Amino acid sequence: MVVEINNVKQQEHKRCKYCLGTGYLACARCSSTGSLVLTEPVSTLNGGDRPLSTPKTERCSNCLGSGKVMCPTCLCTGMAMASEHDPRIDPFD
């Protein structure tokens, strides 16, 4: 049991600090909802009695409707970067 607790503590230090080990971040464009609300500007000149149209929604093009995006820090692995010798980083990219 003590060994298992020590393993959990060691793994916590290896987790990405930004995504907390999930590999994904909340989409900032749609606030993690997966859809964008499209509204038309309201004009008060010429037509103040016109009722407002219902807002339309569309799928977020940033996260493709999932509400989350890939973590650029850990490259979706959930692990913190060890060093510049990390095999996940291609030096010839």
PDB file of N, CA and C in Angstrom:
ATOM      1  N   MET A   1       0.822  -1.194   0.000  1.00  0.00           N
ATOM      2  CA  MET A   1       0.000   0.000   0.000  1.00  0.00           C
ATOM      3  C   MET A   1       0.869   1.264   0.000  1.00  0.00           C
ATOM      4  N   VAL A   2       1.942   1.235   0.762  1.00  0.00           N
ATOM      5  CA  VAL A   2       2.848   2.381   0.829  1.00  0.00           C
ATOM      6  C   VAL A   2       3.534   2.585  -0.515  1.00  0.00           C
ATOM      7  N   VAL A   3       3.865   1.497  -1.178  1.00  0.00           N
ATOM      8  CA  VAL A   3       4.509   1.591  -2.500  1.00  0.00           C
ATOM      9  C   VAL A   3       3.561   2.233  -3.502  1.00  0.00           C
ATOM     10  N   GLU A   4       2.310   1.867  -3.448  1.00  0.00           N
ATOM     11  CA  GLU A   4       1.319   2.434  -4.367  1.00  0.00           C
ATOM     12  C   GLU A   4       1.143   3.930  -4.128  1.00  0.00           C
ATOM     13  N   ILE A   5       1.121   4.344  -2.883  1.00  0.00           N
ATOM     14  CA  ILE A   5       1.003   5.769  -2.557  1.00  0.00           C
ATOM     15  C   ILE A   5       2.201   6.537  -3.085  1.00  0.00           C
ATOM     16  N   ASN A   6       3.386   5.965  -2.945  1.00  0.00           N
ATOM     17  CA  ASN A   6       4.599   6.616  -3.467  1.00  0.00           C
ATOM     18  C   ASN A   6       4.562   6.714  -4.990  1.00  0.00           C
ATOM     19  N   ASN A   7       4.039   5.705  -5.655  1.00  0.00           N
ATOM     20  CA  ASN A   7       3.921   5.741  -7.119  1.00  0.00           C
ATOM     21  C   ASN A   7       2.979   6.849  -7.569  1.00  0.00           C
ATOM     22  N   VAL A   8       1.867   7.011  -6.870  1.00  0.00           N
ATOM     23  CA  VAL A   8       0.911   8.063  -7.209  1.00  0.00           C
ATOM     24  C   VAL A   8       1.550   9.430  -7.029  1.00  0.00           C
ATOM     25  N   LYS A   9       2.290   9.614  -5.961  1.00  0.00           N
ATOM     26  CA  LYS A   9       2.956  10.901  -5.719  1.00  0.00           C
ATOM     27  C   LYS A   9       3.999  11.197  -6.789  1.00  0.00           C
ATOM     28  N   GLN A  10       4.728  10.180  -7.227  1.00  0.00           N
ATOM     29  CA  GLN A  10       5.728  10.376  -8.281  1.00  0.00           C
ATOM     30  C   GLN A  10       5.059  10.736  -9.603  1.00  0.00           C
ATOM     31  N   GLN A  11       3.953  10.094  -9.912  1.00  0.00           N
ATOM     32  CA  GLN A  11       3.251  10.375 -11.158  1.00  0.00           C
ATOM     33  C   GLN A  11       2.648  11.773 -11.163  1.00  0.00           C
ATOM     34  N   GLU A  12       2.234  12.270 -10.004  1.00  0.00           N
ATOM     35  CA  GLU A  12       1.681  13.625  -9.927  1.00  0.00           C
ATOM     36  C   GLU A  12       2.715  14.667 -10.324  1.00  0.00           C
ATOM     37  N   HIS A  13       3.976  14.437  -9.996  1.00  0.00           N
ATOM     38  CA  HIS A  13       5.043  15.380 -10.356  1.00  0.00           C
ATOM     39  C   HIS A  13       5.341  15.344 -11.846  1.00  0.00           C
ATOM     40  N   LYS A  14       5.009  14.253 -12.503  1.00  0.00           N
ATOM     41  CA  LYS A  14       5.283  14.120 -13.930  1.00  0.00           C
ATOM     42  C   LYS A  14       4.146  14.635 -14.810  1.00  0.00           C
ATOM     43  N   ARG A  15       3.024  15.003 -14.193  1.00  0.00           N
ATOM     44  CA  ARG A  15       1.877  15.487 -14.962  1.00  0.00           C
ATOM     45  C   ARG A  15       2.106  16.896 -15.485  1.00  0.00           C
ATOM     46  N   CYS A  16       1.499  17.190 -16.605  1.00  0.00           N
ATOM     47  CA  CYS A  16       1.544  18.528 -17.191  1.00  0.00           C
ATOM     48  C   CYS A  16       0.839  19.498 -16.248  1.00  0.00           C
ATOM     49  N   LYS A  17       1.460  20.638 -16.013  1.00  0.00           N
ATOM     50  CA  LYS A  17       0.901  21.618 -15.076  1.00  0.00           C
ATOM     51  C   LYS A  17      -0.279  22.382 -15.671  1.00  0.00           C
ATOM     52  N   TYR A  18      -0.392  22.420 -16.993  1.00  0.00           N
ATOM     53  CA  TYR A  18      -1.444  23.197 -17.639  1.00  0.00           C
ATOM     54  C   TYR A  18      -2.737  22.416 -17.793  1.00  0.00           C
ATOM     55  N   CYS A  19      -2.647  21.192 -18.280  1.00  0.00           N
ATOM     56  CA  CYS A  19      -3.861  20.392 -18.505  1.00  0.00           C
ATOM     57  C   CYS A  19      -4.121  19.400 -17.373  1.00  0.00           C
ATOM     58  N   LEU A  20      -3.243  19.373 -16.383  1.00  0.00           N
ATOM     59  CA  LEU A  20      -3.350  18.476 -15.228  1.00  0.00           C
ATOM     60  C   LEU A  20      -3.386  17.003 -15.620  1.00  0.00           C
ATOM     61  N   GLY A  21      -2.674  16.680 -16.687  1.00  0.00           N
ATOM     62  CA  GLY A  21      -2.543  15.287 -17.092  1.00  0.00           C
ATOM     63  C   GLY A  21      -3.597  14.774 -18.047  1.00  0.00           C
ATOM     64  N   THR A  22      -4.553  15.610 -18.436  1.00  0.00           N
ATOM     65  CA  THR A  22      -5.599  15.131 -19.342  1.00  0.00           C
ATOM     66  C   THR A  22      -5.165  15.175 -20.798  1.00  0.00           C
ATOM     67  N   GLY A  23      -4.232  16.083 -21.134  1.00  0.00           N
ATOM     68  CA  GLY A  23      -3.794  16.234 -22.516  1.00  0.00           C
ATOM     69  C   GLY A  23      -4.630  17.239 -23.289  1.00  0.00           C
ATOM     70  N   TYR A  24      -5.692  17.750 -22.675  1.00  0.00           N
ATOM     71  CA  TYR A  24      -6.582  18.696 -23.347  1.00  0.00           C
ATOM     72  C   TYR A  24      -6.844  19.918 -22.474  1.00  0.00           C
ATOM     73  N   LEU A  25      -7.102  21.042 -23.130  1.00  0.00           N
ATOM     74  CA  LEU A  25      -7.483  22.280 -22.462  1.00  0.00           C
ATOM     75  C   LEU A  25      -8.881  22.670 -22.918  1.00  0.00           C
ATOM     76  N   ALA A  26      -9.572  23.451 -22.115  1.00  0.00           N
ATOM     77  CA  ALA A  26     -10.896  23.941 -22.490  1.00  0.00           C
ATOM     78  C   ALA A  26     -10.756  24.913 -23.657  1.00  0.00           C
ATOM     79  N   CYS A  27     -11.638  24.814 -24.616  1.00  0.00           N
ATOM     80  CA  CYS A  27     -11.614  25.703 -25.777  1.00  0.00           C
ATOM     81  C   CYS A  27     -12.002  27.113 -25.331  1.00  0.00           C
ATOM     82  N   ALA A  28     -11.143  28.075 -25.612  1.00  0.00           N
ATOM     83  CA  ALA A  28     -11.399  29.454 -25.197  1.00  0.00           C
ATOM     84  C   ALA A  28     -12.368  30.157 -26.140  1.00  0.00           C
ATOM     85  N   ARG A  29     -12.447  29.709 -27.366  1.00  0.00           N
ATOM     86  CA  ARG A  29     -13.313  30.381 -28.336  1.00  0.00           C
ATOM     87  C   ARG A  29     -14.793  30.174 -28.020  1.00  0.00           C
ATOM     88  N   CYS A  30     -15.165  28.962 -27.656  1.00  0.00           N
ATOM     89  CA  CYS A  30     -16.581  28.669 -27.396  1.00  0.00           C
ATOM     90  C   CYS A  30     -16.864  28.471 -25.906  1.00  0.00           C
ATOM     91  N   SER A  31     -15.886  28.741 -25.053  1.00  0.00           N
ATOM     92  CA  SER A  31     -16.024  28.551 -23.598  1.00  0.00           C
ATOM     93  C   SER A  31     -16.405  27.121 -23.248  1.00  0.00           C
ATOM     94  N   SER A  32     -15.836  26.183 -23.960  1.00  0.00           N
ATOM     95  CA  SER A  32     -16.013  24.756 -23.701  1.00  0.00           C
ATOM     96  C   SER A  32     -17.421  24.234 -23.979  1.00  0.00           C
ATOM     97  N   THR A  33     -18.221  24.973 -24.741  1.00  0.00           N
ATOM     98  CA  THR A  33     -19.570  24.503 -25.049  1.00  0.00           C
ATOM     99  C   THR A  33     -19.617  23.705 -26.350  1.00  0.00           C
ATOM    100  N   GLY A  34     -18.665  23.962 -27.258  1.00  0.00           N
ATOM    101  CA  GLY A  34     -18.646  23.264 -28.535  1.00  0.00           C
ATOM    102  C   GLY A  34     -19.420  23.975 -29.623  1.00  0.00           C
ATOM    103  N   SER A  35     -20.123  25.052 -29.274  1.00  0.00           N
ATOM    104  CA  SER A  35     -20.877  25.788 -30.290  1.00  0.00           C
ATOM    105  C   SER A  35     -20.748  27.290 -30.053  1.00  0.00           C
ATOM    106  N   LEU A  36     -20.897  28.036 -31.135  1.00  0.00           N
ATOM    107  CA  LEU A  36     -20.824  29.489 -31.088  1.00  0.00           C
ATOM    108  C   LEU A  36     -22.214  30.063 -31.331  1.00  0.00           C
ATOM    109  N   VAL A  37     -22.555  31.086 -30.599  1.00  0.00           N
ATOM    110  CA  VAL A  37     -23.838  31.760 -30.778  1.00  0.00           C
ATOM    111  C   VAL A  37     -23.613  32.936 -31.715  1.00  0.00           C
ATOM    112  N   LEU A  38     -24.327  32.924 -32.829  1.00  0.00           N
ATOM    113  CA  LEU A  38     -24.202  33.996 -33.816  1.00  0.00           C
ATOM    114  C   LEU A  38     -25.344  34.972 -33.609  1.00  0.00           C
ATOM    115  N   THR A  39     -25.011  36.196 -33.295  1.00  0.00           N
ATOM    116  CA  THR A  39     -26.042  37.218 -33.086  1.00  0.00           C
ATOM    117  C   THR A  39     -25.854  38.334 -34.090  1.00  0.00           C
ATOM    118  N   GLU A  40     -26.956  38.953 -34.446  1.00  0.00           N
ATOM    119  CA  GLU A  40     -26.913  40.088 -35.352  1.00  0.00           C
ATOM    120  C   GLU A  40     -26.929  41.360 -34.513  1.00  0.00           C
ATOM    121  N   PRO A  41     -26.243  42.404 -34.973  1.00  0.00           N
ATOM    122  CA  PRO A  41     -26.250  43.648 -34.207  1.00  0.00           C
ATOM    123  C   PRO A  41     -27.655  44.247 -34.138  1.00  0.00           C
ATOM    124  N   VAL A  42     -27.949  44.871 -33.030  1.00  0.00           N
ATOM    125  CA  VAL A  42     -29.266  45.477 -32.821  1.00  0.00           C
ATOM    126  C   VAL A  42     -29.182  46.954 -33.210  1.00  0.00           C
ATOM    127  N   SER A  43     -30.088  47.390 -34.055  1.00  0.00           N
ATOM    128  CA  SER A  43     -30.123  48.785 -34.494  1.00  0.00           C
ATOM    129  C   SER A  43     -31.322  49.473 -33.856  1.00  0.00           C
ATOM    130  N   THR A  44     -31.113  50.658 -33.311  1.00  0.00           N
ATOM    131  CA  THR A  44     -32.217  51.397 -32.706  1.00  0.00           C
ATOM    132  C   THR A  44     -32.741  52.492 -33.624  1.00  0.00           C
ATOM    133  N   LEU A  45     -32.055  52.745 -34.733  1.00  0.00           N
ATOM    134  CA  LEU A  45     -32.554  53.725 -35.708  1.00  0.00           C
ATOM    135  C   LEU A  45     -33.596  53.051 -36.582  1.00  0.00           C
ATOM    136  N   ASN A  46     -34.476  53.543 -37.233  1.00  0.00           N
ATOM    137  CA  ASN A  46     -35.379  52.960 -38.241  1.00  0.00           C
ATOM    138  C   ASN A  46     -35.785  51.512 -37.931  1.00  0.00           C
ATOM    139  N   GLY A  47     -36.674  51.289 -37.130  1.00  0.00           N
ATOM    140  CA  GLY A  47     -37.161  49.916 -36.899  1.00  0.00           C
ATOM    141  C   GLY A  47     -37.009  49.487 -35.465  1.00  0.00           C
ATOM    142  N   GLY A  48     -37.231  50.380 -34.521  1.00  0.00           N
ATOM    143  CA  GLY A  48     -37.111  50.036 -33.119  1.00  0.00           C
ATOM    144  C   GLY A  48     -38.201  49.088 -32.648  1.00  0.00           C
ATOM    145  N   ASP A  49     -39.289  48.951 -33.414  1.00  0.00           N
ATOM    146  CA  ASP A  49     -40.391  48.067 -33.014  1.00  0.00           C
ATOM    147  C   ASP A  49     -40.211  46.646 -33.538  1.00  0.00           C
ATOM    148  N   ARG A  50     -39.189  46.413 -34.324  1.00  0.00           N
ATOM    149  CA  ARG A  50     -38.972  45.087 -34.904  1.00  0.00           C
ATOM    150  C   ARG A  50     -38.519  44.108 -33.811  1.00  0.00           C
ATOM    151  N   PRO A  51     -39.130  42.933 -33.721  1.00  0.00           N
ATOM    152  CA  PRO A  51     -38.696  41.971 -32.694  1.00  0.00           C
ATOM    153  C   PRO A  51     -37.303  41.420 -33.020  1.00  0.00           C
ATOM    154  N   LEU A  52     -36.583  41.081 -31.981  1.00  0.00           N
ATOM    155  CA  LEU A  52     -35.252  40.521 -32.162  1.00  0.00           C
ATOM    156  C   LEU A  52     -35.359  39.105 -32.726  1.00  0.00           C
ATOM    157  N   SER A  53     -34.449  38.770 -33.620  1.00  0.00           N
ATOM    158  CA  SER A  53     -34.447  37.412 -34.172  1.00  0.00           C
ATOM    159  C   SER A  53     -33.760  36.478 -33.182  1.00  0.00           C
ATOM    160  N   THR A  54     -34.142  35.217 -33.236  1.00  0.00           N
ATOM    161  CA  THR A  54     -33.515  34.248 -32.337  1.00  0.00           C
ATOM    162  C   THR A  54     -32.082  34.016 -32.789  1.00  0.00           C
ATOM    163  N   PRO A  55     -31.160  33.923 -31.854  1.00  0.00           N
ATOM    164  CA  PRO A  55     -29.765  33.717 -32.239  1.00  0.00           C
ATOM    165  C   PRO A  55     -29.555  32.328 -32.847  1.00  0.00           C
ATOM    166  N   LYS A  56     -28.664  32.267 -33.797  1.00  0.00           N
ATOM    167  CA  LYS A  56     -28.331  30.997 -34.441  1.00  0.00           C
ATOM    168  C   LYS A  56     -27.036  30.472 -33.836  1.00  0.00           C
ATOM    169  N   THR A  57     -26.887  29.164 -33.836  1.00  0.00           N
ATOM    170  CA  THR A  57     -25.650  28.566 -33.325  1.00  0.00           C
ATOM    171  C   THR A  57     -24.995  27.751 -34.430  1.00  0.00           C
ATOM    172  N   GLU A  58     -23.698  27.644 -34.322  1.00  0.00           N
ATOM    173  CA  GLU A  58     -22.944  26.787 -35.239  1.00  0.00           C
ATOM    174  C   GLU A  58     -21.836  26.103 -34.456  1.00  0.00           C
ATOM    175  N   ARG A  59     -21.360  24.999 -34.982  1.00  0.00           N
ATOM    176  CA  ARG A  59     -20.306  24.240 -34.332  1.00  0.00           C
ATOM    177  C   ARG A  59     -19.014  25.050 -34.317  1.00  0.00           C
ATOM    178  N   CYS A  60     -18.308  25.029 -33.208  1.00  0.00           N
ATOM    179  CA  CYS A  60     -17.052  25.773 -33.071  1.00  0.00           C
ATOM    180  C   CYS A  60     -16.013  25.187 -34.017  1.00  0.00           C
ATOM    181  N   SER A  61     -15.400  26.049 -34.816  1.00  0.00           N
ATOM    182  CA  SER A  61     -14.399  25.579 -35.773  1.00  0.00           C
ATOM    183  C   SER A  61     -13.032  25.382 -35.115  1.00  0.00           C
ATOM    184  N   ASN A  62     -12.870  25.873 -33.901  1.00  0.00           N
ATOM    185  CA  ASN A  62     -11.595  25.724 -33.210  1.00  0.00           C
ATOM    186  C   ASN A  62     -11.456  24.327 -32.592  1.00  0.00           C
ATOM    187  N   CYS A  63     -12.509  23.856 -31.945  1.00  0.00           N
ATOM    188  CA  CYS A  63     -12.464  22.546 -31.282  1.00  0.00           C
ATOM    189  C   CYS A  63     -13.325  21.502 -31.998  1.00  0.00           C
ATOM    190  N   LEU A  64     -13.959  21.899 -33.092  1.00  0.00           N
ATOM    191  CA  LEU A  64     -14.831  21.021 -33.883  1.00  0.00           C
ATOM    192  C   LEU A  64     -15.985  20.450 -33.068  1.00  0.00           C
ATOM    193  N   GLY A  65     -16.457  21.239 -32.108  1.00  0.00           N
ATOM    194  CA  GLY A  65     -17.622  20.837 -31.334  1.00  0.00           C
ATOM    195  C   GLY A  65     -17.340  20.010 -30.098  1.00  0.00           C
ATOM    196  N   SER A  66     -16.083  19.686 -29.829  1.00  0.00           N
ATOM    197  CA  SER A  66     -15.776  18.859 -28.660  1.00  0.00           C
ATOM    198  C   SER A  66     -15.669  19.664 -27.372  1.00  0.00           C
ATOM    199  N   GLY A  67     -15.403  20.982 -27.483  1.00  0.00           N
ATOM    200  CA  GLY A  67     -15.266  21.813 -26.300  1.00  0.00           C
ATOM    201  C   GLY A  67     -13.884  21.790 -25.691  1.00  0.00           C
ATOM    202  N   LYS A  68     -12.973  21.032 -26.298  1.00  0.00           N
ATOM    203  CA  LYS A  68     -11.604  20.983 -25.787  1.00  0.00           C
ATOM    204  C   LYS A  68     -10.616  20.968 -26.936  1.00  0.00           C
ATOM    205  N   VAL A  69      -9.407  21.472 -26.660  1.00  0.00           N
ATOM    206  CA  VAL A  69      -8.350  21.527 -27.663  1.00  0.00           C
ATOM    207  C   VAL A  69      -7.101  20.848 -27.110  1.00  0.00           C
ATOM    208  N   MET A  70      -6.215  20.475 -28.001  1.00  0.00           N
ATOM    209  CA  MET A  70      -4.983  19.795 -27.622  1.00  0.00           C
ATOM    210  C   MET A  70      -4.099  20.705 -26.769  1.00  0.00           C
ATOM    211  N   CYS A  71      -3.502  20.188 -25.738  1.00  0.00           N
ATOM    212  CA  CYS A  71      -2.585  20.957 -24.900  1.00  0.00           C
ATOM    213  C   CYS A  71      -1.258  21.113 -25.646  1.00  0.00           C
ATOM    214  N   PRO A  72      -0.855  22.345 -25.961  1.00  0.00           N
ATOM    215  CA  PRO A  72       0.387  22.538 -26.712  1.00  0.00           C
ATOM    216  C   PRO A  72       1.636  22.324 -25.864  1.00  0.00           C
ATOM    217  N   THR A  73       1.503  22.314 -24.558  1.00  0.00           N
ATOM    218  CA  THR A  73       2.666  22.142 -23.695  1.00  0.00           C
ATOM    219  C   THR A  73       3.130  20.691 -23.651  1.00  0.00           C
ATOM    220  N   CYS A  74       2.197  19.780 -23.492  1.00  0.00           N
ATOM    221  CA  CYS A  74       2.574  18.366 -23.376  1.00  0.00           C
ATOM    222  C   CYS A  74       2.287  17.586 -24.653  1.00  0.00           C
ATOM    223  N   LEU A  75       1.795  18.256 -25.674  1.00  0.00           N
ATOM    224  CA  LEU A  75       1.468  17.616 -26.956  1.00  0.00           C
ATOM    225  C   LEU A  75       0.473  16.471 -26.786  1.00  0.00           C
ATOM    226  N   CYS A  76      -0.509  16.679 -25.940  1.00  0.00           N
ATOM    227  CA  CYS A  76      -1.606  15.738 -25.727  1.00  0.00           C
ATOM    228  C   CYS A  76      -1.198  14.463 -24.984  1.00  0.00           C
ATOM    229  N   THR A  77      -0.031  14.446 -24.383  1.00  0.00           N
ATOM    230  CA  THR A  77       0.401  13.253 -23.655  1.00  0.00           C
ATOM    231  C   THR A  77       0.008  13.297 -22.187  1.00  0.00           C
ATOM    232  N   GLY A  78      -0.178  14.504 -21.642  1.00  0.00           N
ATOM    233  CA  GLY A  78      -0.496  14.639 -20.231  1.00  0.00           C
ATOM    234  C   GLY A  78       0.717  14.659 -19.334  1.00  0.00           C
ATOM    235  N   MET A  79       1.888  14.449 -19.920  1.00  0.00           N
ATOM    236  CA  MET A  79       3.127  14.406 -19.137  1.00  0.00           C
ATOM    237  C   MET A  79       3.903  15.706 -19.307  1.00  0.00           C
ATOM    238  N   ALA A  80       4.574  16.119 -18.249  1.00  0.00           N
ATOM    239  CA  ALA A  80       5.401  17.322 -18.310  1.00  0.00           C
ATOM    240  C   ALA A  80       6.622  17.048 -19.181  1.00  0.00           C
ATOM    241  N   MET A  81       7.112  18.078 -19.812  1.00  0.00           N
ATOM    242  CA  MET A  81       8.308  17.934 -20.638  1.00  0.00           C
ATOM    243  C   MET A  81       9.519  17.669 -19.741  1.00  0.00           C
ATOM    244  N   ALA A  82      10.279  16.659 -20.084  1.00  0.00           N
ATOM    245  CA  ALA A  82      11.431  16.295 -19.260  1.00  0.00           C
ATOM    246  C   ALA A  82      12.614  17.214 -19.534  1.00  0.00           C
ATOM    247  N   SER A  83      12.981  17.364 -20.777  1.00  0.00           N
ATOM    248  CA  SER A  83      14.125  18.197 -21.131  1.00  0.00           C
ATOM    249  C   SER A  83      14.078  18.485 -22.623  1.00  0.00           C
ATOM    250  N   GLU A  84      15.117  19.138 -23.110  1.00  0.00           N
ATOM    251  CA  GLU A  84      15.183  19.398 -24.547  1.00  0.00           C
ATOM    252  C   GLU A  84      15.456  18.122 -25.335  1.00  0.00           C
ATOM    253  N   HIS A  85      15.770  17.038 -24.650  1.00  0.00           N
ATOM    254  CA  HIS A  85      16.027  15.755 -25.314  1.00  0.00           C
ATOM    255  C   HIS A  85      14.775  14.886 -25.362  1.00  0.00           C
ATOM    256  N   ASP A  86      13.653  15.473 -25.092  1.00  0.00           N
ATOM    257  CA  ASP A  86      12.395  14.732 -25.096  1.00  0.00           C
ATOM    258  C   ASP A  86      12.118  14.221 -26.512  1.00  0.00           C
ATOM    259  N   PRO A  87      11.840  12.937 -26.697  1.00  0.00           N
ATOM    260  CA  PRO A  87      11.619  12.393 -28.046  1.00  0.00           C
ATOM    261  C   PRO A  87      10.350  12.917 -28.718  1.00  0.00           C
ATOM    262  N   ARG A  88       9.450  13.572 -27.953  1.00  0.00           N
ATOM    263  CA  ARG A  88       8.232  14.115 -28.548  1.00  0.00           C
ATOM    264  C   ARG A  88       8.511  15.374 -29.362  1.00  0.00           C
ATOM    265  N   ILE A  89       9.657  15.986 -29.143  1.00  0.00           N
ATOM    266  CA  ILE A  89       9.991  17.211 -29.855  1.00  0.00           C
ATOM    267  C   ILE A  89      10.922  16.863 -30.998  1.00  0.00           C
ATOM    268  N   ASP A  90      10.501  17.192 -32.217  1.00  0.00           N
ATOM    269  CA  ASP A  90      11.322  16.927 -33.394  1.00  0.00           C
ATOM    270  C   ASP A  90      12.232  18.125 -33.638  1.00  0.00           C
ATOM    271  N   PRO A  91      13.543  17.958 -33.501  1.00  0.00           N
ATOM    272  CA  PRO A  91      14.450  19.105 -33.683  1.00  0.00           C
ATOM    273  C   PRO A  91      14.533  19.565 -35.129  1.00  0.00           C
ATOM    274  N   PHE A  92      14.080  18.737 -36.061  1.00  0.00           N
ATOM    275  CA  PHE A  92      14.174  19.084 -37.489  1.00  0.00           C
ATOM    276  C   PHE A  92      12.852  19.576 -38.056  1.00  0.00           C
ATOM    277  N   ASP A  93      11.935  19.894 -37.177  1.00  0.00           N
ATOM    278  CA  ASP A  93      10.613  20.345 -37.613  1.00  0.00           C
ATOM    279  C   ASP A  93      10.640  21.803 -37.980  1.00  0.00           C
TER     280      ASP A  93
END
